[in-house]
Amino acid sequence: MLKVSEILRVKGDALYTAGPDTPVAQVVDTMATQDIGSLVVMEFGELVGMLTFREIIRHLHAQGGSLGTTTIRSIMDDAPVTVSPNTEVNEVRRLMLDKHARYIPVMDGRMLLGVISFYDVAKAVLEAQSFENRMLKAYIRDWPGETREAEEV
């Protein structure tokens, strides 16, 4: 069964974090420049929240389109769902759907290992299914006895 640790290994270790007192305008600039949809909010070495484009859009809507001088602390999700490296991908998919979470921090105890996105999960599942399909096709092609019989007909 595919696990979160395998997705992180393929994805790499690029990770974007910010402190809760960082201005939202600064974070929007970082997210746009780095082409990322989320930032993990850390304070004193601890995960304290998650900021995604969803919270930013809600903030923009509430402020009439202005980012203002607001900091992340007032708009972040301060109780994000997390997973461990040993969490199975099917469980991650269920959590993402149940919690409407497009980005989930991966924690090993209190240590942040990375973030996996809905895209990362979809890509990993598709690649795993593609690999499985290739293995099944190779197995069927090399099926003892039946291949020769089919060729003789």
Protein backbone atom coordinates (compact mmCIF):
# COMPACT_ATOMS: atom_id res chain seq x y z
CA MET A 1 0.00 0.00 0.00
CA LEU A 2 1.26 3.46 -0.97
CA LYS A 3 2.26 5.63 1.99
CA VAL A 4 2.78 9.37 2.52
CA SER A 5 6.54 8.85 2.96
CA GLU A 6 6.77 7.63 -0.65
CA ILE A 7 4.98 10.74 -1.95
CA LEU A 8 7.34 12.99 0.01
CA ARG A 9 10.37 11.11 -1.30
CA VAL A 10 9.30 11.69 -4.91
CA LYS A 11 8.12 15.24 -4.32
CA GLY A 12 11.33 16.46 -2.73
CA ASP A 13 11.81 18.61 0.33
CA ALA A 14 10.90 22.13 -0.81
CA LEU A 15 8.89 23.54 2.07
CA TYR A 16 7.56 27.04 2.61
CA THR A 17 6.79 28.32 6.08
CA ALA A 18 5.99 31.65 7.68
CA GLY A 19 5.47 33.01 11.17
CA PRO A 20 1.95 33.93 12.28
CA ASP A 21 2.84 37.62 12.52
CA THR A 22 3.91 37.81 8.87
CA PRO A 23 1.73 40.25 6.90
CA VAL A 24 -0.70 38.56 4.51
CA ALA A 25 0.53 40.84 1.68
CA GLN A 26 4.07 39.47 2.09
CA VAL A 27 2.81 35.87 2.03
CA VAL A 28 0.74 36.50 -1.10
CA ASP A 29 3.90 37.77 -2.81
CA THR A 30 5.81 34.61 -1.75
CA MET A 31 3.01 32.28 -2.83
CA ALA A 32 2.68 33.98 -6.23
CA THR A 33 6.44 34.13 -6.82
CA GLN A 34 7.04 30.50 -5.79
CA ASP A 35 3.82 29.23 -7.46
CA ILE A 36 2.60 27.51 -4.30
CA GLY A 37 -0.89 27.16 -2.89
CA SER A 38 -0.07 26.87 0.79
CA LEU A 39 2.29 27.88 3.57
CA VAL A 40 2.79 26.14 6.88
CA VAL A 41 2.60 28.54 9.80
CA MET A 42 5.28 27.85 12.41
CA GLU A 43 5.95 29.55 15.74
CA PHE A 44 8.74 28.59 18.16
CA GLY A 45 9.44 25.49 16.05
CA GLU A 46 5.84 24.26 16.31
CA LEU A 47 3.12 23.92 13.70
CA VAL A 48 0.47 26.50 14.62
CA GLY A 49 -1.52 26.76 11.41
CA MET A 50 -1.91 26.44 7.69
CA LEU A 51 -2.53 29.16 5.16
CA THR A 52 -3.88 28.36 1.72
CA PHE A 53 -5.29 30.38 -1.13
CA ARG A 54 -8.76 29.58 0.34
CA GLU A 55 -8.08 31.66 3.48
CA ILE A 56 -6.54 34.44 1.41
CA ILE A 57 -9.55 34.62 -0.91
CA ARG A 58 -11.93 34.68 2.07
CA HIS A 59 -9.88 37.52 3.56
CA LEU A 60 -9.89 39.46 0.27
CA HIS A 61 -13.65 39.02 0.02
CA ALA A 62 -14.23 40.19 3.60
CA GLN A 63 -11.94 43.22 3.05
CA GLY A 64 -13.47 44.35 -0.24
CA GLY A 65 -10.49 43.16 -2.25
CA SER A 66 -7.77 44.70 -0.07
CA LEU A 67 -5.09 42.72 1.75
CA GLY A 68 -4.54 45.56 4.21
CA THR A 69 -2.05 45.13 7.05
CA THR A 70 -3.56 41.93 8.43
CA THR A 71 -1.19 39.19 9.60
CA ILE A 72 -1.50 35.48 8.91
CA ARG A 73 -2.54 34.79 12.51
CA SER A 74 -6.01 36.27 12.04
CA ILE A 75 -6.88 34.34 8.86
CA MET A 76 -4.94 31.03 9.08
CA ASP A 77 -6.49 27.65 9.78
CA ASP A 78 -5.24 27.19 13.34
CA ALA A 79 -6.23 23.51 13.55
CA PRO A 80 -5.09 21.91 10.30
CA VAL A 81 -5.49 18.19 9.80
CA THR A 82 -2.10 16.45 9.67
CA VAL A 83 -0.83 13.02 8.65
CA SER A 84 2.27 10.98 9.45
CA PRO A 85 4.75 9.52 6.96
CA ASN A 86 3.20 6.09 7.60
CA THR A 87 -0.35 7.16 6.74
CA GLU A 88 -1.70 5.21 3.77
CA VAL A 89 -2.65 7.24 0.72
CA ASN A 90 -6.26 6.01 0.77
CA GLU A 91 -6.61 7.47 4.27
CA VAL A 92 -5.12 10.77 3.04
CA ARG A 93 -7.64 10.84 0.19
CA ARG A 94 -10.49 10.26 2.64
CA LEU A 95 -9.22 13.02 4.96
CA MET A 96 -8.79 15.47 2.09
CA LEU A 97 -12.33 14.84 0.90
CA ASP A 98 -13.92 14.84 4.37
CA LYS A 99 -12.11 17.99 5.53
CA HIS A 100 -12.02 19.78 2.14
CA ALA A 101 -8.25 20.04 2.61
CA ARG A 102 -6.16 20.51 -0.50
CA TYR A 103 -2.91 20.67 1.49
CA ILE A 104 -1.97 18.56 4.50
CA PRO A 105 1.17 18.93 6.64
CA VAL A 106 3.12 15.72 7.23
CA MET A 107 4.33 15.43 10.81
CA ASP A 108 6.67 12.97 12.46
CA GLY A 109 5.69 13.58 16.05
CA ARG A 110 6.19 17.33 16.43
CA MET A 111 8.60 17.63 13.50
CA LEU A 112 7.30 18.98 10.19
CA LEU A 113 8.49 16.81 7.28
CA GLY A 114 6.62 18.46 4.44
CA VAL A 115 3.24 19.18 2.91
CA ILE A 116 1.36 17.01 0.47
CA SER A 117 -1.25 18.42 -1.84
CA PHE A 118 -4.31 16.97 -3.50
CA TYR A 119 -2.26 17.12 -6.73
CA ASP A 120 0.62 15.14 -5.15
CA VAL A 121 -1.79 12.43 -4.00
CA ALA A 122 -3.59 12.25 -7.37
CA LYS A 123 -0.26 12.02 -9.21
CA ALA A 124 1.07 9.29 -6.90
CA VAL A 125 -2.11 7.23 -7.22
CA LEU A 126 -2.12 7.59 -11.01
CA GLU A 127 1.54 6.54 -11.23
CA ALA A 128 0.96 3.57 -8.91
CA GLN A 129 -2.03 2.44 -10.97
CA SER A 130 -0.07 2.86 -14.20
CA PHE A 131 2.79 0.76 -12.78
CA GLU A 132 0.33 -1.91 -11.60
CA ASN A 133 -1.33 -1.98 -15.03
CA ARG A 134 2.05 -2.44 -16.75
CA MET A 135 2.94 -5.29 -14.36
CA LEU A 136 -0.42 -6.99 -14.94
CA LYS A 137 -0.08 -6.67 -18.72
CA ALA A 138 3.44 -8.10 -18.58
CA TYR A 139 2.19 -10.95 -16.37
CA ILE A 140 -0.67 -11.73 -18.74
CA ARG A 141 1.62 -11.52 -21.78
CA ASP A 142 4.00 -14.01 -20.13
CA TRP A 143 1.22 -16.35 -18.93
CA PRO A 144 2.60 -19.90 -19.25
CA GLY A 145 0.92 -22.11 -21.82
CA GLU A 146 -1.93 -19.89 -22.92
CA THR A 147 0.20 -17.50 -24.95
CA ARG A 148 1.52 -20.32 -27.13
CA GLU A 149 -1.96 -21.75 -27.64
CA ALA A 150 -3.30 -18.39 -28.71
CA GLU A 151 -0.45 -18.01 -31.21
CA GLU A 152 -1.19 -21.42 -32.75
CA VAL A 153 -4.86 -20.57 -33.44
